[in-house]
C-alpha atoms as a PDB file:
ATOM      1  CA  MET A   1      34.483  46.421 236.619  1.00  0.00           C
ATOM      2  CA  ASN A   2      37.627  46.001 234.559  1.00  0.00           C
ATOM      3  CA  ASN A   3      38.101  42.468 235.824  1.00  0.00           C
ATOM      4  CA  VAL A   4      34.648  41.617 234.407  1.00  0.00           C
ATOM      5  CA  LEU A   5      35.774  42.751 230.982  1.00  0.00           C
ATOM      6  CA  ASP A   6      39.173  41.074 231.362  1.00  0.00           C
ATOM      7  CA  ILE A   7      37.513  37.755 232.174  1.00  0.00           C
ATOM      8  CA  ALA A   8      34.985  38.089 229.340  1.00  0.00           C
ATOM      9  CA  LEU A   9      37.633  39.162 226.820  1.00  0.00           C
ATOM     10  CA  ALA A  10      39.792  36.162 227.716  1.00  0.00           C
ATOM     11  CA  GLU A  11      36.929  34.017 226.330  1.00  0.00           C
ATOM     12  CA  TYR A  12      36.670  36.017 223.079  1.00  0.00           C
ATOM     13  CA  GLY A  13      36.075  33.738 220.109  1.00  0.00           C
ATOM     14  CA  ILE A  14      34.636  30.756 222.014  1.00  0.00           C
ATOM     15  CA  THR A  15      32.128  29.438 219.466  1.00  0.00           C
ATOM     16  CA  GLU A  16      29.353  26.857 219.326  1.00  0.00           C
ATOM     17  CA  VAL A  17      30.135  23.690 217.415  1.00  0.00           C
ATOM     18  CA  VAL A  18      27.797  23.083 214.500  1.00  0.00           C
ATOM     19  CA  GLY A  19      26.180  19.671 214.445  1.00  0.00           C
ATOM     20  CA  ARG A  20      26.046  16.870 216.961  1.00  0.00           C
ATOM     21  CA  ASN A  21      29.192  17.842 218.868  1.00  0.00           C
ATOM     22  CA  HIS A  22      29.240  20.652 221.430  1.00  0.00           C
ATOM     23  CA  ASN A  23      31.871  23.068 222.639  1.00  0.00           C
ATOM     24  CA  SER A  24      33.000  21.737 226.011  1.00  0.00           C
ATOM     25  CA  ARG A  25      33.945  25.248 227.150  1.00  0.00           C
ATOM     26  CA  ILE A  26      30.361  26.476 226.727  1.00  0.00           C
ATOM     27  CA  LEU A  27      29.069  23.419 228.559  1.00  0.00           C
ATOM     28  CA  GLN A  28      31.582  24.204 231.314  1.00  0.00           C
ATOM     29  CA  TYR A  29      29.997  27.669 231.746  1.00  0.00           C
ATOM     30  CA  PHE A  30      26.640  25.981 232.408  1.00  0.00           C
ATOM     31  CA  LYS A  31      28.154  23.423 234.762  1.00  0.00           C
ATOM     32  CA  GLU A  32      30.157  25.922 236.814  1.00  0.00           C
ATOM     33  CA  ILE A  33      27.154  28.173 237.447  1.00  0.00           C
ATOM     34  CA  GLY A  34      25.078  25.214 238.606  1.00  0.00           C
ATOM     35  CA  HIS A  35      23.144  24.125 235.511  1.00  0.00           C
ATOM     36  CA  LYS A  36      24.757  20.725 234.970  1.00  0.00           C
ATOM     37  CA  TRP A  37      21.653  19.411 233.223  1.00  0.00           C
ATOM     38  CA  VAL A  38      22.477  21.409 230.060  1.00  0.00           C
ATOM     39  CA  ILE A  39      24.178  19.116 227.552  1.00  0.00           C
ATOM     40  CA  THR A  40      24.071  21.130 224.321  1.00  0.00           C
ATOM     41  CA  ASP A  41      25.767  24.360 223.266  1.00  0.00           C
ATOM     42  CA  GLU A  42      22.618  25.196 221.294  1.00  0.00           C
ATOM     43  CA  THR A  43      20.861  26.054 224.581  1.00  0.00           C
ATOM     44  CA  ALA A  44      20.647  29.864 224.771  1.00  0.00           C
ATOM     45  CA  TRP A  45      23.748  30.862 226.718  1.00  0.00           C
ATOM     46  CA  CYS A  46      24.061  34.661 226.872  1.00  0.00           C
ATOM     47  CA  SER A  47      22.876  34.742 230.492  1.00  0.00           C
ATOM     48  CA  THR A  48      24.991  31.706 231.279  1.00  0.00           C
ATOM     49  CA  PHE A  49      28.064  33.535 230.043  1.00  0.00           C
ATOM     50  CA  ALA A  50      27.179  36.702 231.995  1.00  0.00           C
ATOM     51  CA  ASN A  51      26.637  34.602 235.141  1.00  0.00           C
ATOM     52  CA  TRP A  52      29.923  32.757 234.638  1.00  0.00           C
ATOM     53  CA  VAL A  53      31.890  35.984 234.126  1.00  0.00           C
ATOM     54  CA  ALA A  54      30.250  37.653 237.149  1.00  0.00           C
ATOM     55  CA  MET A  55      30.949  34.566 239.260  1.00  0.00           C
ATOM     56  CA  LYS A  56      34.603  34.446 238.192  1.00  0.00           C
ATOM     57  CA  ALA A  57      34.959  38.167 238.987  1.00  0.00           C
ATOM     58  CA  GLY A  58      33.295  37.715 242.385  1.00  0.00           C
ATOM     59  CA  TYR A  59      30.215  39.788 241.554  1.00  0.00           C
ATOM     60  CA  TYR A  60      26.554  39.190 242.295  1.00  0.00           C
ATOM     61  CA  ARG A  61      24.725  37.424 239.495  1.00  0.00           C
ATOM     62  CA  SER A  62      21.236  36.298 238.553  1.00  0.00           C
ATOM     63  CA  GLY A  63      21.952  32.561 238.597  1.00  0.00           C
ATOM     64  CA  LYS A  64      19.259  32.150 235.956  1.00  0.00           C
ATOM     65  CA  LEU A  65      19.401  31.285 232.273  1.00  0.00           C
ATOM     66  CA  ASP A  66      17.001  33.977 231.070  1.00  0.00           C
ATOM     67  CA  ALA A  67      18.537  37.307 230.070  1.00  0.00           C
ATOM     68  CA  ARG A  68      15.810  39.416 231.639  1.00  0.00           C
ATOM     69  CA  SER A  69      16.652  37.974 235.083  1.00  0.00           C
ATOM     70  CA  TRP A  70      19.539  40.469 235.070  1.00  0.00           C
ATOM     71  CA  LEU A  71      17.050  43.332 235.354  1.00  0.00           C
ATOM     72  CA  ARG A  72      16.754  42.341 239.042  1.00  0.00           C
ATOM     73  CA  VAL A  73      20.514  42.188 239.787  1.00  0.00           C
ATOM     74  CA  GLY A  74      22.548  45.102 241.081  1.00  0.00           C
ATOM     75  CA  THR A  75      21.537  48.716 240.707  1.00  0.00           C
ATOM     76  CA  LYS A  76      19.737  50.372 237.816  1.00  0.00           C
ATOM     77  CA  VAL A  77      21.927  52.988 236.119  1.00  0.00           C
ATOM     78  CA  THR A  78      21.159  55.522 233.423  1.00  0.00           C
ATOM     79  CA  THR A  79      24.742  56.397 232.506  1.00  0.00           C
ATOM     80  CA  PRO A  80      26.555  53.098 232.063  1.00  0.00           C
ATOM     81  CA  LYS A  81      30.244  52.442 232.548  1.00  0.00           C
ATOM     82  CA  LYS A  82      32.221  49.902 230.573  1.00  0.00           C
ATOM     83  CA  GLY A  83      31.491  46.490 232.031  1.00  0.00           C
ATOM     84  CA  ASP A  84      27.998  47.305 233.310  1.00  0.00           C
ATOM     85  CA  VAL A  85      25.319  44.784 232.412  1.00  0.00           C
ATOM     86  CA  VAL A  86      22.990  45.682 229.547  1.00  0.00           C
ATOM     87  CA  VAL A  87      19.725  43.882 228.784  1.00  0.00           C
ATOM     88  CA  PHE A  88      17.744  43.935 225.526  1.00  0.00           C
ATOM     89  CA  TRP A  89      14.424  42.537 224.394  1.00  0.00           C
ATOM     90  CA  ARG A  90      14.126  39.989 221.603  1.00  0.00           C
ATOM     91  CA  VAL A  91      11.142  39.221 219.404  1.00  0.00           C
ATOM     92  CA  LYS A  92       9.018  41.936 221.071  1.00  0.00           C
ATOM     93  CA  LYS A  93       9.296  44.099 224.168  1.00  0.00           C
ATOM     94  CA  SER A  94       6.540  42.276 226.067  1.00  0.00           C
ATOM     95  CA  ASP A  95       8.029  38.827 225.318  1.00  0.00           C
ATOM     96  CA  TRP A  96      10.020  36.968 228.006  1.00  0.00           C
ATOM     97  CA  ARG A  97      13.039  36.476 225.758  1.00  0.00           C
ATOM     98  CA  GLY A  98      15.991  38.816 225.733  1.00  0.00           C
ATOM     99  CA  HIS A  99      19.727  39.224 225.481  1.00  0.00           C
ATOM    100  CA  VAL A 100      22.311  40.202 228.094  1.00  0.00           C
ATOM    101  CA  GLY A 101      25.949  41.196 227.918  1.00  0.00           C
ATOM    102  CA  PHE A 102      28.472  43.739 229.130  1.00  0.00           C
ATOM    103  CA  PHE A 103      28.374  47.353 227.998  1.00  0.00           C
ATOM    104  CA  ILE A 104      31.291  48.509 225.857  1.00  0.00           C
ATOM    105  CA  GLY A 105      29.961  51.793 224.445  1.00  0.00           C
ATOM    106  CA  TYR A 106      27.594  53.584 222.102  1.00  0.00           C
ATOM    107  CA  SER A 107      27.964  54.178 218.395  1.00  0.00           C
ATOM    108  CA  GLU A 108      28.704  57.817 217.551  1.00  0.00           C
ATOM    109  CA  ASP A 109      25.086  58.422 216.544  1.00  0.00           C
ATOM    110  CA  LYS A 110      23.811  56.571 219.683  1.00  0.00           C
ATOM    111  CA  LYS A 111      21.673  54.289 217.505  1.00  0.00           C
ATOM    112  CA  TYR A 112      23.614  51.227 218.657  1.00  0.00           C
ATOM    113  CA  ILE A 113      25.053  49.829 221.859  1.00  0.00           C
ATOM    114  CA  TYR A 114      28.222  47.744 221.629  1.00  0.00           C
ATOM    115  CA  VAL A 115      28.100  44.677 223.861  1.00  0.00           C
ATOM    116  CA  LEU A 116      30.672  42.081 224.875  1.00  0.00           C
ATOM    117  CA  GLY A 117      28.794  38.888 225.495  1.00  0.00           C
ATOM    118  CA  GLY A 118      28.230  35.219 224.878  1.00  0.00           C
ATOM    119  CA  ASN A 119      25.927  33.682 222.285  1.00  0.00           C
ATOM    120  CA  GLN A 120      26.311  36.669 219.989  1.00  0.00           C
ATOM    121  CA  ASN A 121      26.400  35.105 216.521  1.00  0.00           C
ATOM    122  CA  ASN A 122      26.879  31.840 218.479  1.00  0.00           C
ATOM    123  CA  GLN A 123      30.139  33.027 220.014  1.00  0.00           C
ATOM    124  CA  VAL A 124      31.776  35.293 222.574  1.00  0.00           C
ATOM    125  CA  CYS A 125      32.380  38.577 220.780  1.00  0.00           C
ATOM    126  CA  ILE A 126      31.569  42.272 220.666  1.00  0.00           C
ATOM    127  CA  LYS A 127      28.419  43.008 218.719  1.00  0.00           C
ATOM    128  CA  ARG A 128      26.216  46.047 218.284  1.00  0.00           C
ATOM    129  CA  TYR A 129      22.534  46.031 219.185  1.00  0.00           C
ATOM    130  CA  PRO A 130      19.976  48.674 218.234  1.00  0.00           C
ATOM    131  CA  THR A 131      19.284  51.119 221.038  1.00  0.00           C
ATOM    132  CA  TYR A 132      15.524  50.793 220.510  1.00  0.00           C
ATOM    133  CA  ARG A 133      15.743  47.193 221.877  1.00  0.00           C
ATOM    134  CA  PHE A 134      17.339  48.382 225.137  1.00  0.00           C
ATOM    135  CA  LEU A 135      15.620  47.399 228.423  1.00  0.00           C
ATOM    136  CA  GLY A 136      18.096  48.433 231.109  1.00  0.00           C
ATOM    137  CA  PHE A 137      21.608  48.940 232.405  1.00  0.00           C
ATOM    138  CA  ARG A 138      22.638  47.388 235.720  1.00  0.00           C
ATOM    139  CA  SER A 139      25.706  48.014 237.825  1.00  0.00           C
ATOM    140  CA  ILE A 140      26.700  44.858 239.674  1.00  0.00           C
ATOM    141  CA  VAL A 141      28.816  44.780 242.809  1.00  0.00           C
ATOM    142  CA  LYS A 142      31.216  42.434 244.539  1.00  0.00           C
ATOM    143  CA  SER A 143      29.639  39.496 246.308  1.00  0.00           C
ATOM    144  CA  ASN A 144      30.469  38.183 249.758  1.00  0.00           C
ATOM    145  CA  PHE A 145      30.272  34.651 248.382  1.00  0.00           C
ATOM    146  CA  LYS A 146      33.163  32.580 247.124  1.00  0.00           C
ATOM    147  CA  PRO A 147      32.692  31.193 243.608  1.00  0.00           C
ATOM    148  CA  ILE A 148      31.635  27.575 243.602  1.00  0.00           C
ATOM    149  CA  ILE A 149      33.463  25.733 240.894  1.00  0.00           C
ATOM    150  CA  ASP A 150      32.857  22.068 240.301  1.00  0.00           C
ATOM    151  CA  ALA A 151      35.725  20.878 238.167  1.00  0.00           C
ATOM    152  CA  ALA A 152      34.485  17.290 238.107  1.00  0.00           C
END
């Protein structure tokens, strides 16, 4: 899983552009995972970033833009390793919305989970999320598929 973190960390600091312009790098994430129709960096992109990183690393991915789609990828784990996928709920637990990123670790008191991900404060960074919003950890594995990258 280290290559997942290496790839994600190489993008650290990529940030949305405020206003009418958009960060072309974020739009490239959408394009390369097959969602060319997205034309704004204001479109929720945490799952896009996770998909892009997994694709670049050669791992299975959800292919979807919703964070909770990651709850169906890979294997459920109870003791995560650095780089495992972690999914949280947003708004309320029964709502469809969520957040996804890569597990970094727990706070000392275990009240927070540190996550490396995209669209965290509108950027790629490490951020802590309250443990009570946790939905699941997933271990993803190498894919037999070659990444499809459309550079055009």
